[in-house]
Amino acid sequence: MTDTESDKKPDKPSAGRPKIKLDPLMIQNLASIFCTNREIAAMMSCSTDTLVRNYADHIKKGREQGKSSLRRRQWEKAMEGNTTMLIWLGKQYLEQKDQPIAEVDKKPLPWVD
């Protein structure tokens, strides 16, 4: 027997449960429609701990894709002339307010006797 043959360890069964193989694309798609971790885990038949521990990057990417899709649809609606969406986007991104307050008007009124 050579040294290299004696150094080989016999195949042992791995400890613990077998790893669950989940579909990362399905996880990402569920996250993109804003399913909670609990809902995704239920759909994938695994625990939320397993899901978060092994697929956090897919969940994050899916949620970011969902936000982008939602933002794109909002923008499309606004560009179609949806007044409500135009007002909402103006408040979110242009710091517009329902009741603008001029800087000059922030001082209290003087008392007149």
C-alpha atoms as a PDB file:
ATOM      1  CA  MET A   1       0.000   0.000   0.000  1.00  0.00           C
ATOM      2  CA  THR A   2       1.369   3.451  -0.895  1.00  0.00           C
ATOM      3  CA  ASP A   3       1.296   6.481   1.371  1.00  0.00           C
ATOM      4  CA  THR A   4      -1.388   8.173  -0.705  1.00  0.00           C
ATOM      5  CA  GLU A   5      -3.737   5.191  -0.420  1.00  0.00           C
ATOM      6  CA  SER A   6      -3.333   5.000   3.350  1.00  0.00           C
ATOM      7  CA  ASP A   7      -4.023   8.736   3.714  1.00  0.00           C
ATOM      8  CA  LYS A   8      -7.479   8.398   2.177  1.00  0.00           C
ATOM      9  CA  LYS A   9     -10.314   8.396   4.647  1.00  0.00           C
ATOM     10  CA  PRO A  10     -13.193   6.014   4.163  1.00  0.00           C
ATOM     11  CA  ASP A  11     -16.446   7.596   2.968  1.00  0.00           C
ATOM     12  CA  LYS A  12     -18.548   8.442   5.987  1.00  0.00           C
ATOM     13  CA  PRO A  13     -22.144   9.545   5.890  1.00  0.00           C
ATOM     14  CA  SER A  14     -22.408  13.268   6.533  1.00  0.00           C
ATOM     15  CA  ALA A  15     -23.717  14.375   9.894  1.00  0.00           C
ATOM     16  CA  GLY A  16     -27.091  16.028  10.256  1.00  0.00           C
ATOM     17  CA  ARG A  17     -29.985  16.241   7.877  1.00  0.00           C
ATOM     18  CA  PRO A  18     -29.473  16.187   4.151  1.00  0.00           C
ATOM     19  CA  LYS A  19     -29.399  19.662   2.615  1.00  0.00           C
ATOM     20  CA  ILE A  20     -32.660  20.845   1.132  1.00  0.00           C
ATOM     21  CA  LYS A  21     -32.340  21.971  -2.472  1.00  0.00           C
ATOM     22  CA  LEU A  22     -34.699  24.830  -3.215  1.00  0.00           C
ATOM     23  CA  ASP A  23     -35.332  26.675  -6.457  1.00  0.00           C
ATOM     24  CA  PRO A  24     -33.579  30.049  -6.076  1.00  0.00           C
ATOM     25  CA  LEU A  25     -35.531  31.540  -9.005  1.00  0.00           C
ATOM     26  CA  MET A  26     -38.852  30.630  -7.359  1.00  0.00           C
ATOM     27  CA  ILE A  27     -37.665  32.201  -4.095  1.00  0.00           C
ATOM     28  CA  GLN A  28     -36.619  35.344  -5.950  1.00  0.00           C
ATOM     29  CA  ASN A  29     -39.956  35.526  -7.806  1.00  0.00           C
ATOM     30  CA  LEU A  30     -41.954  35.137  -4.575  1.00  0.00           C
ATOM     31  CA  ALA A  31     -39.846  37.844  -2.926  1.00  0.00           C
ATOM     32  CA  SER A  32     -40.432  40.129  -5.930  1.00  0.00           C
ATOM     33  CA  ILE A  33     -44.179  40.121  -5.226  1.00  0.00           C
ATOM     34  CA  PHE A  34     -43.389  40.970  -1.593  1.00  0.00           C
ATOM     35  CA  CYS A  35     -44.253  37.616  -0.021  1.00  0.00           C
ATOM     36  CA  THR A  36     -43.037  37.484   3.567  1.00  0.00           C
ATOM     37  CA  ASN A  37     -40.242  35.103   4.546  1.00  0.00           C
ATOM     38  CA  ARG A  38     -42.837  32.965   6.307  1.00  0.00           C
ATOM     39  CA  GLU A  39     -44.975  32.764   3.151  1.00  0.00           C
ATOM     40  CA  ILE A  40     -41.981  31.893   0.976  1.00  0.00           C
ATOM     41  CA  ALA A  41     -40.875  29.221   3.442  1.00  0.00           C
ATOM     42  CA  ALA A  42     -44.374  27.725   3.445  1.00  0.00           C
ATOM     43  CA  MET A  43     -44.424  27.619  -0.361  1.00  0.00           C
ATOM     44  CA  MET A  44     -40.975  26.031  -0.455  1.00  0.00           C
ATOM     45  CA  SER A  45     -41.715  23.571   2.394  1.00  0.00           C
ATOM     46  CA  CYS A  46     -38.798  24.667   4.548  1.00  0.00           C
ATOM     47  CA  SER A  47     -38.243  26.676   7.707  1.00  0.00           C
ATOM     48  CA  THR A  48     -37.784  30.429   7.640  1.00  0.00           C
ATOM     49  CA  ASP A  49     -34.375  29.921   9.259  1.00  0.00           C
ATOM     50  CA  THR A  50     -33.235  27.681   6.402  1.00  0.00           C
ATOM     51  CA  LEU A  51     -34.622  30.113   3.867  1.00  0.00           C
ATOM     52  CA  VAL A  52     -32.906  33.175   5.342  1.00  0.00           C
ATOM     53  CA  ARG A  53     -29.645  31.388   6.113  1.00  0.00           C
ATOM     54  CA  ASN A  54     -29.186  29.944   2.619  1.00  0.00           C
ATOM     55  CA  TYR A  55     -31.120  32.241   0.283  1.00  0.00           C
ATOM     56  CA  ALA A  56     -30.927  35.751   1.777  1.00  0.00           C
ATOM     57  CA  ASP A  57     -29.233  37.114  -1.350  1.00  0.00           C
ATOM     58  CA  HIS A  58     -32.029  35.773  -3.590  1.00  0.00           C
ATOM     59  CA  ILE A  59     -34.687  37.227  -1.285  1.00  0.00           C
ATOM     60  CA  LYS A  60     -32.982  40.635  -1.291  1.00  0.00           C
ATOM     61  CA  LYS A  61     -32.586  40.626  -5.074  1.00  0.00           C
ATOM     62  CA  GLY A  62     -36.243  39.641  -5.545  1.00  0.00           C
ATOM     63  CA  ARG A  63     -37.498  42.394  -3.248  1.00  0.00           C
ATOM     64  CA  GLU A  64     -35.343  44.960  -5.075  1.00  0.00           C
ATOM     65  CA  GLN A  65     -36.765  43.756  -8.402  1.00  0.00           C
ATOM     66  CA  GLY A  66     -40.280  44.107  -6.981  1.00  0.00           C
ATOM     67  CA  LYS A  67     -39.574  47.674  -5.897  1.00  0.00           C
ATOM     68  CA  SER A  68     -38.215  48.524  -9.339  1.00  0.00           C
ATOM     69  CA  SER A  69     -41.263  47.039 -11.051  1.00  0.00           C
ATOM     70  CA  LEU A  70     -43.621  48.911  -8.772  1.00  0.00           C
ATOM     71  CA  ARG A  71     -41.752  52.170  -9.292  1.00  0.00           C
ATOM     72  CA  ARG A  72     -41.820  51.654 -13.081  1.00  0.00           C
ATOM     73  CA  ARG A  73     -45.609  51.117 -13.060  1.00  0.00           C
ATOM     74  CA  GLN A  74     -46.125  54.194 -10.876  1.00  0.00           C
ATOM     75  CA  TRP A  75     -44.033  56.246 -13.281  1.00  0.00           C
ATOM     76  CA  GLU A  76     -45.970  54.915 -16.263  1.00  0.00           C
ATOM     77  CA  LYS A  77     -49.285  55.844 -14.608  1.00  0.00           C
ATOM     78  CA  ALA A  78     -48.009  59.316 -13.807  1.00  0.00           C
ATOM     79  CA  MET A  79     -46.797  59.835 -17.380  1.00  0.00           C
ATOM     80  CA  GLU A  80     -50.227  58.739 -18.637  1.00  0.00           C
ATOM     81  CA  GLY A  81     -51.626  61.726 -16.751  1.00  0.00           C
ATOM     82  CA  ASN A  82     -52.795  60.061 -13.534  1.00  0.00           C
ATOM     83  CA  THR A  83     -53.061  63.177 -11.341  1.00  0.00           C
ATOM     84  CA  THR A  84     -52.997  61.244  -8.064  1.00  0.00           C
ATOM     85  CA  MET A  85     -49.784  59.492  -9.022  1.00  0.00           C
ATOM     86  CA  LEU A  86     -48.216  62.767 -10.189  1.00  0.00           C
ATOM     87  CA  ILE A  87     -49.020  64.393  -6.843  1.00  0.00           C
ATOM     88  CA  TRP A  88     -47.731  61.390  -4.873  1.00  0.00           C
ATOM     89  CA  LEU A  89     -44.462  61.207  -6.820  1.00  0.00           C
ATOM     90  CA  GLY A  90     -44.033  64.976  -6.440  1.00  0.00           C
ATOM     91  CA  LYS A  91     -44.351  64.641  -2.669  1.00  0.00           C
ATOM     92  CA  GLN A  92     -41.946  61.703  -2.544  1.00  0.00           C
ATOM     93  CA  TYR A  93     -39.191  63.002  -4.795  1.00  0.00           C
ATOM     94  CA  LEU A  94     -39.631  66.738  -5.169  1.00  0.00           C
ATOM     95  CA  GLU A  95     -40.441  67.583  -1.523  1.00  0.00           C
ATOM     96  CA  GLN A  96     -43.768  69.069  -2.580  1.00  0.00           C
ATOM     97  CA  LYS A  97     -46.411  69.566   0.120  1.00  0.00           C
ATOM     98  CA  ASP A  98     -50.158  70.066   0.212  1.00  0.00           C
ATOM     99  CA  GLN A  99     -49.801  73.371   2.091  1.00  0.00           C
ATOM    100  CA  PRO A 100     -46.581  75.140   1.205  1.00  0.00           C
ATOM    101  CA  ILE A 101     -45.253  77.425   3.933  1.00  0.00           C
ATOM    102  CA  ALA A 102     -43.136  80.378   2.907  1.00  0.00           C
ATOM    103  CA  GLU A 103     -39.997  80.966   4.968  1.00  0.00           C
ATOM    104  CA  VAL A 104     -41.094  84.556   5.646  1.00  0.00           C
ATOM    105  CA  ASP A 105     -44.388  83.427   7.200  1.00  0.00           C
ATOM    106  CA  LYS A 106     -42.759  81.269   9.879  1.00  0.00           C
ATOM    107  CA  LYS A 107     -42.322  84.264  12.214  1.00  0.00           C
ATOM    108  CA  PRO A 108     -45.053  84.929  14.792  1.00  0.00           C
ATOM    109  CA  LEU A 109     -47.377  87.851  14.156  1.00  0.00           C
ATOM    110  CA  PRO A 110     -46.598  91.001  16.157  1.00  0.00           C
ATOM    111  CA  TRP A 111     -49.053  92.060  18.919  1.00  0.00           C
ATOM    112  CA  VAL A 112     -50.972  95.215  18.189  1.00  0.00           C
ATOM    113  CA  ASP A 113     -52.703  97.107  21.052  1.00  0.00           C
END
